[in-house]
Amino acid sequence: MRRKYILTCAVTGNITTPEQTPHLPITPQQIADAAIDAAKAGAAVAHIHVRDPETGRPSMSLDLYKDVVDRIRGSGTDVVINLTTGPGGRFVPDRENPRVAAAGSTLLPPDQRVAHIVALKPEIATLDLNTMWSGSAVVINAPWSVTRMAELIYSAGTIPELEVFDSGDIALAKHLIAEGVLKGPCLFQVCMGIRWGFDWNPETLNYARSIIPAGHPWAAFAIGRMEFPMLAQTWLLGGHVRVGLEDNIYLNKGELAVSNTVLVERAVRILREFGAEPMTAAEARAELSQVGGWSR
C-alpha cells in the first residue's frame, strides 16, 4: 500500500441536482471557490464540470469553463485542474421510435466534446470508455469517438484519465493501448456504484485492480454511502482516491455535507489514521510524470 496518495475532489458533477442539496456549487465563482478550498484542505486535483448559472443544469459552455479555470489559475492556489469530457455522450431513445433521440439526448461529435480541453489545456481530462445504460439514457462512447478524443487531448498536452465503469471498459483500454491510441502508462479511474457497472464492494474493486495492466497508475471512487468505505479500501489496495459532491452529498446518514471541503477533510482524516498523507499538487505532478503523453 502507498503511504502518500493523490486525492481528487469532484466538486459538482453532471448528475447531482440543486434540488438534492443546496450546497452544490453552480456558478463559476462557486465552482472555482470549491476547487480552491478543496485544494487547501488536501486535494491535489480538482475534477470540474460546469453548470448553467441560471438553471443549475449541466453545461458544456466554453465560456463557463474558461471562467472557472481562469479563476482557479488566478487565485494563487496550486491545484491540478482536471476537466470532464463526459457530457455529450448521452442518448435517450424515443419510446415510440427508438432510433430517434428523445428529450435529454446530448450526443455530440468528439471534437465538440473536447473543445474546452483544446482551448484551455488543463493538466488532466477525463476520457470515459463506457457504453452502458445510465438512468434514462444510454451513454455511448464508441471506440472511434474515444480515439478521436484521445488524439485531441494529447495534442493539448493533457493527460487522459481513463474512467472505467466495468471490465469491458478496461478491455477496451488495453486494446487502445496496444493499438497506440493511448500512450502508456495510462491513468485509470475506477468508477463504482453506478448502475449497471462495477459494484461498490471490496471484491469488485480488487477484481478491477487485478485486470488493470501492470505498471499503470490507478484511482477509484464509489458514489453515495460507500464513498468513504471504498476510499479506505482503495488506499489499502494501492490506489489513489476521490471524494466530492459529484459522488456523494452526505457527511453522515441524513446529514448533508455543507461543502466539498468537509468531504475532503474527512478523507484526509480517515487515511491519516492509517499513517497516510495526501500529496501536494506538486507531488501529484511528479507522481504522474510517468504517465504517457505528459508534456508539462
C-alpha atoms as a PDB file:
ATOM      1  CA  MET A   1       0.000   0.000   0.000  1.00  0.00           C
ATOM      2  CA  ARG A   2       1.160   3.544  -0.685  1.00  0.00           C
ATOM      3  CA  ARG A   3       1.981   5.942   2.138  1.00  0.00           C
ATOM      4  CA  LYS A   4       1.085   9.066   0.146  1.00  0.00           C
ATOM      5  CA  TYR A   5      -1.776   9.367  -2.291  1.00  0.00           C
ATOM      6  CA  ILE A   6      -3.366  11.731  -4.786  1.00  0.00           C
ATOM      7  CA  LEU A   7      -6.720  12.998  -3.556  1.00  0.00           C
ATOM      8  CA  THR A   8      -9.123  14.296  -6.210  1.00  0.00           C
ATOM      9  CA  CYS A   9     -12.168  16.387  -5.348  1.00  0.00           C
ATOM     10  CA  ALA A  10     -15.068  16.143  -7.830  1.00  0.00           C
ATOM     11  CA  VAL A  11     -16.801  19.376  -6.956  1.00  0.00           C
ATOM     12  CA  THR A  12     -20.126  19.451  -8.831  1.00  0.00           C
ATOM     13  CA  GLY A  13     -20.534  16.761 -11.491  1.00  0.00           C
ATOM     14  CA  ASN A  14     -23.243  16.181 -14.051  1.00  0.00           C
ATOM     15  CA  ILE A  15     -25.930  14.245 -12.168  1.00  0.00           C
ATOM     16  CA  THR A  16     -26.287  15.774  -8.686  1.00  0.00           C
ATOM     17  CA  THR A  17     -29.016  18.427  -8.686  1.00  0.00           C
ATOM     18  CA  PRO A  18     -29.592  21.622  -6.678  1.00  0.00           C
ATOM     19  CA  GLU A  19     -32.877  20.056  -5.533  1.00  0.00           C
ATOM     20  CA  GLN A  20     -30.901  17.298  -3.793  1.00  0.00           C
ATOM     21  CA  THR A  21     -28.633  19.679  -1.921  1.00  0.00           C
ATOM     22  CA  PRO A  22     -28.443  23.478  -1.629  1.00  0.00           C
ATOM     23  CA  HIS A  23     -24.688  23.188  -1.128  1.00  0.00           C
ATOM     24  CA  LEU A  24     -23.910  22.169  -4.722  1.00  0.00           C
ATOM     25  CA  PRO A  25     -21.620  24.701  -6.478  1.00  0.00           C
ATOM     26  CA  ILE A  26     -23.410  26.158  -9.500  1.00  0.00           C
ATOM     27  CA  THR A  27     -21.870  29.440 -10.672  1.00  0.00           C
ATOM     28  CA  PRO A  28     -18.300  29.734 -11.983  1.00  0.00           C
ATOM     29  CA  GLN A  29     -17.360  31.608  -8.814  1.00  0.00           C
ATOM     30  CA  GLN A  30     -18.841  28.878  -6.599  1.00  0.00           C
ATOM     31  CA  ILE A  31     -17.200  26.076  -8.580  1.00  0.00           C
ATOM     32  CA  ALA A  32     -13.810  27.794  -8.580  1.00  0.00           C
ATOM     33  CA  ASP A  33     -14.051  28.586  -4.862  1.00  0.00           C
ATOM     34  CA  ALA A  34     -14.991  24.955  -4.141  1.00  0.00           C
ATOM     35  CA  ALA A  35     -11.923  23.735  -6.038  1.00  0.00           C
ATOM     36  CA  ILE A  36      -9.638  26.235  -4.293  1.00  0.00           C
ATOM     37  CA  ASP A  37     -10.978  25.426  -0.827  1.00  0.00           C
ATOM     38  CA  ALA A  38     -10.708  21.667  -1.515  1.00  0.00           C
ATOM     39  CA  ALA A  39      -7.077  22.151  -2.511  1.00  0.00           C
ATOM     40  CA  LYS A  40      -6.330  23.994   0.701  1.00  0.00           C
ATOM     41  CA  ALA A  41      -7.899  21.098   2.626  1.00  0.00           C
ATOM     42  CA  GLY A  42      -5.697  18.478   0.948  1.00  0.00           C
ATOM     43  CA  ALA A  43      -6.977  17.765  -2.565  1.00  0.00           C
ATOM     44  CA  ALA A  44      -4.183  17.786  -5.152  1.00  0.00           C
ATOM     45  CA  VAL A  45      -6.632  17.554  -8.076  1.00  0.00           C
ATOM     46  CA  ALA A  46      -9.917  19.337  -8.757  1.00  0.00           C
ATOM     47  CA  HIS A  47     -12.242  17.482 -11.143  1.00  0.00           C
ATOM     48  CA  ILE A  48     -14.543  20.030 -12.752  1.00  0.00           C
ATOM     49  CA  HIS A  49     -17.859  20.162 -14.608  1.00  0.00           C
ATOM     50  CA  VAL A  50     -19.708  23.429 -15.214  1.00  0.00           C
ATOM     51  CA  ARG A  51     -23.344  24.411 -14.718  1.00  0.00           C
ATOM     52  CA  ASP A  52     -25.721  26.927 -16.243  1.00  0.00           C
ATOM     53  CA  PRO A  53     -25.762  29.630 -13.546  1.00  0.00           C
ATOM     54  CA  GLU A  54     -29.452  30.359 -14.194  1.00  0.00           C
ATOM     55  CA  THR A  55     -30.843  26.813 -14.133  1.00  0.00           C
ATOM     56  CA  GLY A  56     -28.178  24.803 -12.322  1.00  0.00           C
ATOM     57  CA  ARG A  57     -28.277  22.254 -15.138  1.00  0.00           C
ATOM     58  CA  PRO A  58     -25.082  20.775 -16.632  1.00  0.00           C
ATOM     59  CA  SER A  59     -23.472  22.847 -19.374  1.00  0.00           C
ATOM     60  CA  MET A  60     -20.741  22.439 -21.971  1.00  0.00           C
ATOM     61  CA  SER A  61     -20.170  26.167 -22.431  1.00  0.00           C
ATOM     62  CA  LEU A  62     -16.549  27.009 -23.206  1.00  0.00           C
ATOM     63  CA  ASP A  63     -17.074  30.450 -21.683  1.00  0.00           C
ATOM     64  CA  LEU A  64     -18.135  28.900 -18.376  1.00  0.00           C
ATOM     65  CA  TYR A  65     -15.171  26.509 -18.354  1.00  0.00           C
ATOM     66  CA  LYS A  66     -12.827  29.383 -19.117  1.00  0.00           C
ATOM     67  CA  ASP A  67     -14.329  31.469 -16.326  1.00  0.00           C
ATOM     68  CA  VAL A  68     -13.802  28.670 -13.790  1.00  0.00           C
ATOM     69  CA  VAL A  69     -10.284  27.819 -14.960  1.00  0.00           C
ATOM     70  CA  ASP A  70      -9.199  31.464 -15.053  1.00  0.00           C
ATOM     71  CA  ARG A  71     -10.454  31.995 -11.510  1.00  0.00           C
ATOM     72  CA  ILE A  72      -8.546  28.960 -10.220  1.00  0.00           C
ATOM     73  CA  ARG A  73      -5.344  29.789 -12.091  1.00  0.00           C
ATOM     74  CA  GLY A  74      -5.539  33.392 -10.965  1.00  0.00           C
ATOM     75  CA  SER A  75      -6.093  32.521  -7.316  1.00  0.00           C
ATOM     76  CA  GLY A  76      -2.501  31.618  -6.487  1.00  0.00           C
ATOM     77  CA  THR A  77      -3.666  28.230  -5.167  1.00  0.00           C
ATOM     78  CA  ASP A  78      -1.744  25.312  -6.625  1.00  0.00           C
ATOM     79  CA  VAL A  79      -4.098  22.541  -7.731  1.00  0.00           C
ATOM     80  CA  VAL A  80      -4.065  20.190 -10.715  1.00  0.00           C
ATOM     81  CA  ILE A  81      -7.060  21.007 -12.928  1.00  0.00           C
ATOM     82  CA  ASN A  82      -8.981  18.019 -14.286  1.00  0.00           C
ATOM     83  CA  LEU A  83     -11.800  18.875 -16.708  1.00  0.00           C
ATOM     84  CA  THR A  84     -14.527  16.434 -17.664  1.00  0.00           C
ATOM     85  CA  THR A  85     -15.287  15.359 -21.231  1.00  0.00           C
ATOM     86  CA  GLY A  86     -18.222  13.186 -20.181  1.00  0.00           C
ATOM     87  CA  PRO A  87     -21.085  15.492 -21.271  1.00  0.00           C
ATOM     88  CA  GLY A  88     -22.157  15.000 -24.855  1.00  0.00           C
ATOM     89  CA  GLY A  89     -22.314  11.218 -24.668  1.00  0.00           C
ATOM     90  CA  ARG A  90     -25.918  10.505 -23.681  1.00  0.00           C
ATOM     91  CA  PHE A  91     -28.643   9.174 -25.988  1.00  0.00           C
ATOM     92  CA  VAL A  92     -32.262   8.857 -24.849  1.00  0.00           C
ATOM     93  CA  PRO A  93     -34.217   6.625 -27.263  1.00  0.00           C
ATOM     94  CA  ASP A  94     -37.754   7.689 -28.057  1.00  0.00           C
ATOM     95  CA  ARG A  95     -40.154   5.034 -26.771  1.00  0.00           C
ATOM     96  CA  GLU A  96     -42.278   5.054 -29.917  1.00  0.00           C
ATOM     97  CA  ASN A  97     -39.310   5.091 -32.283  1.00  0.00           C
ATOM     98  CA  PRO A  98     -36.066   4.137 -30.502  1.00  0.00           C
ATOM     99  CA  ARG A  99     -33.999   5.238 -33.493  1.00  0.00           C
ATOM    100  CA  VAL A 100     -34.988   8.841 -32.721  1.00  0.00           C
ATOM    101  CA  ALA A 101     -33.360  10.887 -29.977  1.00  0.00           C
ATOM    102  CA  ALA A 102     -35.823  11.943 -27.292  1.00  0.00           C
ATOM    103  CA  ALA A 103     -35.571  14.890 -24.912  1.00  0.00           C
ATOM    104  CA  GLY A 104     -32.460  14.657 -22.757  1.00  0.00           C
ATOM    105  CA  SER A 105     -30.169  13.361 -25.506  1.00  0.00           C
ATOM    106  CA  THR A 106     -26.822  15.153 -25.606  1.00  0.00           C
ATOM    107  CA  LEU A 107     -24.871  13.026 -28.078  1.00  0.00           C
ATOM    108  CA  LEU A 108     -22.253  15.169 -29.864  1.00  0.00           C
ATOM    109  CA  PRO A 109     -19.267  14.633 -32.184  1.00  0.00           C
ATOM    110  CA  PRO A 110     -15.965  14.016 -30.362  1.00  0.00           C
ATOM    111  CA  ASP A 111     -14.405  17.318 -31.435  1.00  0.00           C
ATOM    112  CA  GLN A 112     -17.184  19.239 -29.684  1.00  0.00           C
ATOM    113  CA  ARG A 113     -16.855  17.164 -26.515  1.00  0.00           C
ATOM    114  CA  VAL A 114     -13.209  18.153 -26.091  1.00  0.00           C
ATOM    115  CA  ALA A 115     -13.271  21.708 -27.482  1.00  0.00           C
ATOM    116  CA  HIS A 116     -12.739  23.133 -23.986  1.00  0.00           C
ATOM    117  CA  ILE A 117      -9.727  20.845 -23.466  1.00  0.00           C
ATOM    118  CA  VAL A 118      -8.087  22.037 -26.677  1.00  0.00           C
ATOM    119  CA  ALA A 119      -8.757  25.661 -25.751  1.00  0.00           C
ATOM    120  CA  LEU A 120      -7.856  25.617 -22.051  1.00  0.00           C
ATOM    121  CA  LYS A 121      -5.208  22.863 -21.889  1.00  0.00           C
ATOM    122  CA  PRO A 122      -5.850  21.510 -18.378  1.00  0.00           C
ATOM    123  CA  GLU A 123      -3.333  19.087 -16.933  1.00  0.00           C
ATOM    124  CA  ILE A 124      -5.853  16.213 -16.889  1.00  0.00           C
ATOM    125  CA  ALA A 125      -9.048  15.491 -18.833  1.00  0.00           C
ATOM    126  CA  THR A 126     -11.355  12.575 -18.175  1.00  0.00           C
ATOM    127  CA  LEU A 127     -11.868  10.145 -21.044  1.00  0.00           C
ATOM    128  CA  ASP A 128     -14.863   7.864 -20.476  1.00  0.00           C
ATOM    129  CA  LEU A 129     -14.596   4.390 -22.001  1.00  0.00           C
ATOM    130  CA  ASN A 130     -18.062   3.172 -21.053  1.00  0.00           C
ATOM    131  CA  THR A 131     -21.036   2.395 -23.234  1.00  0.00           C
ATOM    132  CA  MET A 132     -23.834   1.487 -20.824  1.00  0.00           C
ATOM    133  CA  TRP A 133     -27.349   2.206 -19.672  1.00  0.00           C
ATOM    134  CA  SER A 134     -27.401   5.069 -17.174  1.00  0.00           C
ATOM    135  CA  GLY A 135     -30.683   6.281 -15.703  1.00  0.00           C
ATOM    136  CA  SER A 136     -32.976   7.114 -18.624  1.00  0.00           C
ATOM    137  CA  ALA A 137     -30.152   7.328 -21.180  1.00  0.00           C
ATOM    138  CA  VAL A 138     -27.616   5.177 -22.925  1.00  0.00           C
ATOM    139  CA  VAL A 139     -24.097   6.529 -22.512  1.00  0.00           C
ATOM    140  CA  ILE A 140     -22.283   5.951 -25.804  1.00  0.00           C
ATOM    141  CA  ASN A 141     -18.513   6.141 -26.171  1.00  0.00           C
ATOM    142  CA  ALA A 142     -17.776   4.452 -29.490  1.00  0.00           C
ATOM    143  CA  PRO A 143     -14.145   3.336 -29.946  1.00  0.00           C
ATOM    144  CA  TRP A 144     -13.765   5.666 -32.936  1.00  0.00           C
ATOM    145  CA  SER A 145     -15.041   8.588 -30.837  1.00  0.00           C
ATOM    146  CA  VAL A 146     -12.717   7.727 -27.952  1.00  0.00           C
ATOM    147  CA  THR A 147      -9.836   7.504 -30.419  1.00  0.00           C
ATOM    148  CA  ARG A 148     -10.501  10.990 -31.770  1.00  0.00           C
ATOM    149  CA  MET A 149     -10.989  12.477 -28.297  1.00  0.00           C
ATOM    150  CA  ALA A 150      -7.714  10.926 -27.117  1.00  0.00           C
ATOM    151  CA  GLU A 151      -5.902  12.397 -30.118  1.00  0.00           C
ATOM    152  CA  LEU A 152      -7.163  15.884 -29.310  1.00  0.00           C
ATOM    153  CA  ILE A 153      -6.488  15.537 -25.572  1.00  0.00           C
ATOM    154  CA  TYR A 154      -2.887  14.536 -26.230  1.00  0.00           C
ATOM    155  CA  SER A 155      -2.497  17.386 -28.729  1.00  0.00           C
ATOM    156  CA  ALA A 156      -3.321  19.815 -25.907  1.00  0.00           C
ATOM    157  CA  GLY A 157      -0.520  18.387 -23.744  1.00  0.00           C
ATOM    158  CA  THR A 158      -3.149  16.947 -21.395  1.00  0.00           C
ATOM    159  CA  ILE A 159      -3.235  13.570 -19.630  1.00  0.00           C
ATOM    160  CA  PRO A 160      -6.364  11.498 -20.329  1.00  0.00           C
ATOM    161  CA  GLU A 161      -7.763   9.973 -17.141  1.00  0.00           C
ATOM    162  CA  LEU A 162      -9.469   6.771 -18.276  1.00  0.00           C
ATOM    163  CA  GLU A 163     -12.793   6.462 -16.461  1.00  0.00           C
ATOM    164  CA  VAL A 164     -13.771   2.783 -16.430  1.00  0.00           C
ATOM    165  CA  PHE A 165     -17.170   1.601 -15.229  1.00  0.00           C
ATOM    166  CA  ASP A 166     -16.955  -2.137 -15.965  1.00  0.00           C
ATOM    167  CA  SER A 167     -14.493  -4.809 -17.041  1.00  0.00           C
ATOM    168  CA  GLY A 168     -15.235  -4.280 -20.733  1.00  0.00           C
ATOM    169  CA  ASP A 169     -14.017  -0.689 -20.422  1.00  0.00           C
ATOM    170  CA  ILE A 170     -10.647  -1.945 -19.186  1.00  0.00           C
ATOM    171  CA  ALA A 171     -10.554  -4.424 -22.064  1.00  0.00           C
ATOM    172  CA  LEU A 172     -11.160  -1.523 -24.461  1.00  0.00           C
ATOM    173  CA  ALA A 173      -8.361   0.448 -22.806  1.00  0.00           C
ATOM    174  CA  LYS A 174      -5.958  -2.467 -23.257  1.00  0.00           C
ATOM    175  CA  HIS A 175      -6.912  -2.672 -26.922  1.00  0.00           C
ATOM    176  CA  LEU A 176      -6.389   1.066 -27.451  1.00  0.00           C
ATOM    177  CA  ILE A 177      -3.023   0.891 -25.671  1.00  0.00           C
ATOM    178  CA  ALA A 178      -1.977  -1.997 -27.920  1.00  0.00           C
ATOM    179  CA  GLU A 179      -3.098  -0.016 -30.972  1.00  0.00           C
ATOM    180  CA  GLY A 180      -1.069   3.015 -29.870  1.00  0.00           C
ATOM    181  CA  VAL A 181      -4.150   5.218 -29.471  1.00  0.00           C
ATOM    182  CA  LEU A 182      -3.486   5.516 -25.730  1.00  0.00           C
ATOM    183  CA  LYS A 183       0.088   6.186 -24.626  1.00  0.00           C
ATOM    184  CA  GLY A 184       1.033   4.003 -21.710  1.00  0.00           C
ATOM    185  CA  PRO A 185       1.369   4.004 -18.882  1.00  0.00           C
ATOM    186  CA  CYS A 186      -2.172   5.363 -18.553  1.00  0.00           C
ATOM    187  CA  LEU A 187      -4.021   6.817 -15.575  1.00  0.00           C
ATOM    188  CA  PHE A 188      -7.111   4.733 -14.749  1.00  0.00           C
ATOM    189  CA  GLN A 189     -10.082   5.844 -12.625  1.00  0.00           C
ATOM    190  CA  VAL A 190     -12.343   3.002 -11.462  1.00  0.00           C
ATOM    191  CA  CYS A 191     -15.932   4.259 -11.045  1.00  0.00           C
ATOM    192  CA  MET A 192     -18.042   2.166  -8.644  1.00  0.00           C
ATOM    193  CA  GLY A 193     -21.699   2.084  -7.730  1.00  0.00           C
ATOM    194  CA  ILE A 194     -23.108   3.436 -10.995  1.00  0.00           C
ATOM    195  CA  ARG A 195     -25.803   1.211 -12.452  1.00  0.00           C
ATOM    196  CA  TRP A 196     -25.102  -1.023 -14.329  1.00  0.00           C
ATOM    197  CA  GLY A 197     -21.364  -1.082 -13.860  1.00  0.00           C
ATOM    198  CA  PHE A 198     -18.859  -2.059 -11.189  1.00  0.00           C
ATOM    199  CA  ASP A 199     -20.482  -2.761  -7.833  1.00  0.00           C
ATOM    200  CA  TRP A 200     -19.221  -0.865  -4.796  1.00  0.00           C
ATOM    201  CA  ASN A 201     -17.610  -3.629  -2.742  1.00  0.00           C
ATOM    202  CA  PRO A 202     -14.040  -4.749  -1.972  1.00  0.00           C
ATOM    203  CA  GLU A 203     -14.272  -7.903  -4.080  1.00  0.00           C
ATOM    204  CA  THR A 204     -15.243  -5.949  -7.199  1.00  0.00           C
ATOM    205  CA  LEU A 205     -12.573  -3.309  -6.615  1.00  0.00           C
ATOM    206  CA  ASN A 206      -9.909  -5.973  -6.151  1.00  0.00           C
ATOM    207  CA  TYR A 207     -11.043  -7.608  -9.404  1.00  0.00           C
ATOM    208  CA  ALA A 208     -10.941  -4.293 -11.279  1.00  0.00           C
ATOM    209  CA  ARG A 209      -7.467  -3.582  -9.926  1.00  0.00           C
ATOM    210  CA  SER A 210      -6.285  -7.042 -10.954  1.00  0.00           C
ATOM    211  CA  ILE A 211      -7.176  -6.513 -14.629  1.00  0.00           C
ATOM    212  CA  ILE A 212      -5.694  -3.033 -14.964  1.00  0.00           C
ATOM    213  CA  PRO A 213      -2.384  -3.503 -16.813  1.00  0.00           C
ATOM    214  CA  ALA A 214       0.622  -3.740 -14.511  1.00  0.00           C
ATOM    215  CA  GLY A 215       2.576  -0.524 -14.144  1.00  0.00           C
ATOM    216  CA  HIS A 216      -0.363   1.781 -14.877  1.00  0.00           C
ATOM    217  CA  PRO A 217      -1.347   4.179 -12.028  1.00  0.00           C
ATOM    218  CA  TRP A 218      -4.946   3.963 -10.918  1.00  0.00           C
ATOM    219  CA  ALA A 219      -7.516   5.521  -8.630  1.00  0.00           C
ATOM    220  CA  ALA A 220     -11.054   4.631  -7.624  1.00  0.00           C
ATOM    221  CA  PHE A 221     -14.166   6.112  -6.072  1.00  0.00           C
ATOM    222  CA  ALA A 222     -17.640   4.971  -5.067  1.00  0.00           C
ATOM    223  CA  ILE A 223     -20.813   7.006  -5.102  1.00  0.00           C
ATOM    224  CA  GLY A 224     -23.255   7.513  -2.247  1.00  0.00           C
ATOM    225  CA  ARG A 225     -22.905   5.935   1.167  1.00  0.00           C
ATOM    226  CA  MET A 226     -19.935   3.792   0.113  1.00  0.00           C
ATOM    227  CA  GLU A 227     -17.751   6.811  -0.704  1.00  0.00           C
ATOM    228  CA  PHE A 228     -15.649   6.602   2.446  1.00  0.00           C
ATOM    229  CA  PRO A 229     -15.533   2.804   2.973  1.00  0.00           C
ATOM    230  CA  MET A 230     -14.257   2.380  -0.586  1.00  0.00           C
ATOM    231  CA  LEU A 231     -11.847   5.285  -0.163  1.00  0.00           C
ATOM    232  CA  ALA A 232     -10.120   3.300   2.584  1.00  0.00           C
ATOM    233  CA  GLN A 233     -10.253   0.096   0.529  1.00  0.00           C
ATOM    234  CA  THR A 234      -8.761   1.839  -2.499  1.00  0.00           C
ATOM    235  CA  TRP A 235      -5.843   3.128  -0.470  1.00  0.00           C
ATOM    236  CA  LEU A 236      -5.278  -0.311   1.052  1.00  0.00           C
ATOM    237  CA  LEU A 237      -5.022  -1.776  -2.447  1.00  0.00           C
ATOM    238  CA  GLY A 238      -2.515   0.872  -3.543  1.00  0.00           C
ATOM    239  CA  GLY A 239      -4.756   3.263  -5.461  1.00  0.00           C
ATOM    240  CA  HIS A 240      -5.320   6.996  -5.430  1.00  0.00           C
ATOM    241  CA  VAL A 241      -8.659   8.321  -4.171  1.00  0.00           C
ATOM    242  CA  ARG A 242     -11.522  10.722  -4.875  1.00  0.00           C
ATOM    243  CA  VAL A 243     -14.388  12.365  -2.974  1.00  0.00           C
ATOM    244  CA  GLY A 244     -16.759  15.262  -3.661  1.00  0.00           C
ATOM    245  CA  LEU A 245     -20.336  16.386  -4.073  1.00  0.00           C
ATOM    246  CA  GLU A 246     -20.423  14.899  -7.562  1.00  0.00           C
ATOM    247  CA  ASP A 247     -20.244  11.464  -5.946  1.00  0.00           C
ATOM    248  CA  ASN A 248     -21.899  11.836  -2.547  1.00  0.00           C
ATOM    249  CA  ILE A 249     -23.867  14.633  -0.888  1.00  0.00           C
ATOM    250  CA  TYR A 250     -23.883  13.304   2.696  1.00  0.00           C
ATOM    251  CA  LEU A 251     -21.362  13.606   5.503  1.00  0.00           C
ATOM    252  CA  ASN A 252     -23.337  11.223   7.717  1.00  0.00           C
ATOM    253  CA  LYS A 253     -26.634   9.404   7.283  1.00  0.00           C
ATOM    254  CA  GLY A 254     -29.288  12.103   6.893  1.00  0.00           C
ATOM    255  CA  GLU A 255     -26.721  14.921   7.269  1.00  0.00           C
ATOM    256  CA  LEU A 256     -25.909  16.830   4.110  1.00  0.00           C
ATOM    257  CA  ALA A 257     -22.284  17.778   3.554  1.00  0.00           C
ATOM    258  CA  VAL A 258     -22.204  21.574   3.653  1.00  0.00           C
ATOM    259  CA  SER A 259     -19.309  21.753   1.190  1.00  0.00           C
ATOM    260  CA  ASN A 260     -16.796  19.752  -0.778  1.00  0.00           C
ATOM    261  CA  THR A 261     -14.224  20.835   1.766  1.00  0.00           C
ATOM    262  CA  VAL A 262     -15.762  18.833   4.621  1.00  0.00           C
ATOM    263  CA  LEU A 263     -15.678  15.701   2.431  1.00  0.00           C
ATOM    264  CA  VAL A 264     -12.003  16.308   1.651  1.00  0.00           C
ATOM    265  CA  GLU A 265     -11.237  16.914   5.308  1.00  0.00           C
ATOM    266  CA  ARG A 266     -12.897  13.644   6.285  1.00  0.00           C
ATOM    267  CA  ALA A 267     -10.974  11.735   3.600  1.00  0.00           C
ATOM    268  CA  VAL A 268      -7.680  13.167   4.857  1.00  0.00           C
ATOM    269  CA  ARG A 269      -8.627  12.390   8.446  1.00  0.00           C
ATOM    270  CA  ILE A 270      -9.565   8.767   7.670  1.00  0.00           C
ATOM    271  CA  LEU A 271      -6.375   7.994   5.777  1.00  0.00           C
ATOM    272  CA  ARG A 272      -4.239   9.846   8.306  1.00  0.00           C
ATOM    273  CA  GLU A 273      -5.403   7.230  10.832  1.00  0.00           C
ATOM    274  CA  PHE A 274      -3.570   4.694   8.640  1.00  0.00           C
ATOM    275  CA  GLY A 275      -0.430   6.842   8.581  1.00  0.00           C
ATOM    276  CA  ALA A 276      -1.015   8.192   5.062  1.00  0.00           C
ATOM    277  CA  GLU A 277      -0.790  11.792   3.892  1.00  0.00           C
ATOM    278  CA  PRO A 278      -2.209  13.448   0.756  1.00  0.00           C
ATOM    279  CA  MET A 279       0.201  14.574  -1.932  1.00  0.00           C
ATOM    280  CA  THR A 280       0.500  18.226  -2.748  1.00  0.00           C
ATOM    281  CA  ALA A 281      -0.267  19.320  -6.294  1.00  0.00           C
ATOM    282  CA  ALA A 282       3.481  19.430  -6.993  1.00  0.00           C
ATOM    283  CA  GLU A 283       3.926  15.905  -5.649  1.00  0.00           C
ATOM    284  CA  ALA A 284       0.969  14.707  -7.729  1.00  0.00           C
ATOM    285  CA  ARG A 285       2.578  16.128 -10.873  1.00  0.00           C
ATOM    286  CA  ALA A 286       5.805  14.306 -10.034  1.00  0.00           C
ATOM    287  CA  GLU A 287       3.852  11.099  -9.445  1.00  0.00           C
ATOM    288  CA  LEU A 288       2.074  11.456 -12.793  1.00  0.00           C
ATOM    289  CA  SER A 289       5.218  12.393 -14.726  1.00  0.00           C
ATOM    290  CA  GLN A 290       5.452   8.723 -15.728  1.00  0.00           C
ATOM    291  CA  VAL A 291       2.067   8.828 -17.478  1.00  0.00           C
ATOM    292  CA  GLY A 292       2.207   8.686 -21.270  1.00  0.00           C
ATOM    293  CA  GLY A 293       1.610  11.957 -23.069  1.00  0.00           C
ATOM    294  CA  TRP A 294       2.659  14.149 -20.135  1.00  0.00           C
ATOM    295  CA  SER A 295       4.417  17.193 -21.528  1.00  0.00           C
ATOM    296  CA  ARG A 296       4.295  19.726 -18.661  1.00  0.00           C
END
